[in-house]
Structure formats: C-alpha cells, structure tokens
C-alpha cells in the first residue's frame, strides 16, 4: 500500500498504483507527441525516456491476438452479444484486461464484436 495525498489522504492498493503509473505513462506519450509536433525533439526524447522507466513497472501489454481472444472469451462466457450490452461488456472485459491494453483499443474491439 502506498499513501497518496491530495485533498484527502488515500492509500492505494496494487491496482491503484498500476492505474496511477498507467496514467503517467499515457501523459508521457501525449507529451512526446506534442513536443514532436512542436519541433522539440529533445524534449520528446526526454518524455520517451521517462515512459520507458514507467513501462518497467506496468504489466506486460497484451498483443492484438491475445486481446481479441480475451474479448471473445469474456463476451461468450458472459453471454453478451448486443450493442445495448456495451456497458456490461466493457466492465467485464476491463476487469480481465487490468490495464494491459489501451482503453480505446479495447472499446473499439468490444464494439466491433457486439452485433
């Protein structure tokens, strides 16, 4: 458990720590892209170096085939097949993915699988 401060003190469990690190990693990706667009390649390189360090603390990312298999398995086991079940599907899939894939990629894949 790691204590976190803000408006109120909070103690994070392992999942909370992973979420914080994943959010910081995402910020580094976005910052690097912004620096590249602005012609600040040295700052972009700094952001990517920080990203490498953060990625060392994150679980290994799922490959495309692994993610698709996971989504298929979860949708099948939960009996989810309609677009109206998108919320349920995302909740079930995200519980299994546990930060090992980009949220947008997960959402796009789940959406494409629901008829």
Protein backbone atom coordinates (compact mmCIF):
# COMPACT_ATOMS: atom_id res chain seq x y z
CA UNK A 1 0.00 0.00 0.00
CA UNK A 2 1.24 3.45 -0.91
CA UNK A 3 -0.16 6.57 0.78
CA UNK A 4 -1.26 9.25 -1.66
CA UNK A 5 -2.01 12.84 -0.83
CA UNK A 6 -4.45 15.23 -2.38
CA UNK A 7 -7.47 16.91 -0.87
CA UNK A 8 -7.72 13.82 1.35
CA UNK A 9 -5.11 11.18 2.09
CA UNK A 10 -5.68 7.85 0.34
CA UNK A 11 -3.86 4.57 0.44
CA UNK A 12 -3.57 2.76 -2.88
CA UNK A 13 -3.57 -0.99 -3.32
CA UNK A 14 -1.56 -2.61 -6.11
CA UNK A 15 -4.31 -2.00 -8.71
CA UNK A 16 -4.45 1.67 -7.74
CA UNK A 17 -0.70 2.01 -8.10
CA UNK A 18 -0.83 0.42 -11.57
CA UNK A 19 -3.58 2.86 -12.58
CA UNK A 20 -1.51 5.84 -11.46
CA UNK A 21 1.57 4.58 -13.31
CA UNK A 22 -0.51 3.85 -16.43
CA UNK A 23 -1.96 7.38 -16.33
CA UNK A 24 1.53 8.86 -16.03
CA UNK A 25 2.74 6.69 -18.92
CA UNK A 26 -0.14 7.94 -21.07
CA UNK A 27 0.80 11.52 -20.21
CA UNK A 28 4.36 10.87 -21.38
CA UNK A 29 3.13 9.50 -24.72
CA UNK A 30 0.89 12.53 -25.26
CA UNK A 31 3.62 14.96 -24.22
CA UNK A 32 6.16 13.32 -26.54
CA UNK A 33 3.73 13.61 -29.45
CA UNK A 34 3.06 17.26 -28.65
CA UNK A 35 6.78 18.03 -28.43
CA UNK A 36 7.38 16.27 -31.75
CA UNK A 37 4.66 18.35 -33.39
CA UNK A 38 6.25 21.50 -31.97
CA UNK A 39 9.69 20.57 -33.26
CA UNK A 40 11.10 19.99 -29.77
CA UNK A 41 12.64 16.59 -30.44
CA UNK A 42 14.98 16.75 -27.43
CA UNK A 43 12.01 17.20 -25.06
CA UNK A 44 10.13 14.42 -26.86
CA UNK A 45 13.12 12.14 -26.29
CA UNK A 46 13.11 13.04 -22.58
CA UNK A 47 9.43 12.11 -22.32
CA UNK A 48 10.03 8.80 -24.10
CA UNK A 49 12.91 8.01 -21.73
CA UNK A 50 10.61 8.60 -18.76
CA UNK A 51 7.99 6.42 -20.45
CA UNK A 52 10.47 3.55 -20.67
CA UNK A 53 11.06 3.72 -16.93
CA UNK A 54 7.32 3.78 -16.17
CA UNK A 55 6.65 0.86 -18.52
CA UNK A 56 9.05 -1.24 -16.45
CA UNK A 57 6.54 -1.08 -13.60
CA UNK A 58 3.48 -1.93 -15.68
CA UNK A 59 2.22 -5.43 -16.51
CA UNK A 60 3.17 -6.70 -19.95
CA UNK A 61 0.82 -5.39 -22.64
CA UNK A 62 -1.48 -7.80 -24.44
CA UNK A 63 -0.80 -8.44 -28.10
CA UNK A 64 -3.60 -7.94 -30.63
CA UNK A 65 -4.32 -11.68 -30.86
CA UNK A 66 -4.29 -12.08 -27.08
CA UNK A 67 -6.64 -9.14 -26.64
CA UNK A 68 -9.05 -10.45 -29.26
CA UNK A 69 -9.06 -13.91 -27.67
CA UNK A 70 -9.68 -12.40 -24.23
CA UNK A 71 -12.57 -10.27 -25.52
CA UNK A 72 -14.11 -13.25 -27.33
CA UNK A 73 -13.83 -15.41 -24.21
CA UNK A 74 -15.33 -12.79 -21.88
CA UNK A 75 -18.21 -11.92 -24.21
CA UNK A 76 -19.01 -15.59 -24.68
CA UNK A 77 -18.82 -16.51 -21.01
CA UNK A 78 -20.99 -13.52 -20.02
CA UNK A 79 -23.47 -14.12 -22.85
CA UNK A 80 -23.01 -10.63 -24.24
CA UNK A 81 -23.77 -10.16 -27.92
CA UNK A 82 -25.80 -6.98 -28.44
CA UNK A 83 -24.75 -3.35 -28.74
CA UNK A 84 -27.14 -2.47 -25.92
CA UNK A 85 -24.87 -4.52 -23.62
CA UNK A 86 -21.80 -2.39 -24.33
CA UNK A 87 -21.55 -1.10 -20.75
CA UNK A 88 -21.74 -4.59 -19.26
CA UNK A 89 -19.27 -5.88 -21.84
CA UNK A 90 -16.74 -3.13 -21.15
CA UNK A 91 -16.98 -3.68 -17.40
CA UNK A 92 -16.40 -7.43 -17.78
CA UNK A 93 -13.60 -7.07 -20.34
CA UNK A 94 -11.79 -4.32 -18.43
CA UNK A 95 -11.81 -6.47 -15.31
CA UNK A 96 -9.86 -9.09 -17.28
CA UNK A 97 -7.63 -6.69 -19.21
CA UNK A 98 -6.49 -4.96 -15.99
CA UNK A 99 -4.55 -2.17 -17.68
CA UNK A 100 -2.68 -4.40 -20.11
CA UNK A 101 -4.21 -2.76 -23.21
CA UNK A 102 -5.14 0.71 -24.38
CA UNK A 103 -8.68 1.60 -23.34
CA UNK A 104 -9.61 2.94 -26.76
CA UNK A 105 -8.42 -0.24 -28.47
CA UNK A 106 -10.43 -2.35 -26.02
CA UNK A 107 -13.57 -0.27 -26.55
CA UNK A 108 -13.23 -0.38 -30.35
CA UNK A 109 -12.75 -4.15 -30.32
CA UNK A 110 -15.67 -4.79 -27.97
CA UNK A 111 -17.89 -2.53 -30.06
CA UNK A 112 -16.96 -4.38 -33.25
CA UNK A 113 -17.71 -7.75 -31.63
CA UNK A 114 -21.18 -6.78 -30.42
CA UNK A 115 -23.72 -7.23 -33.23
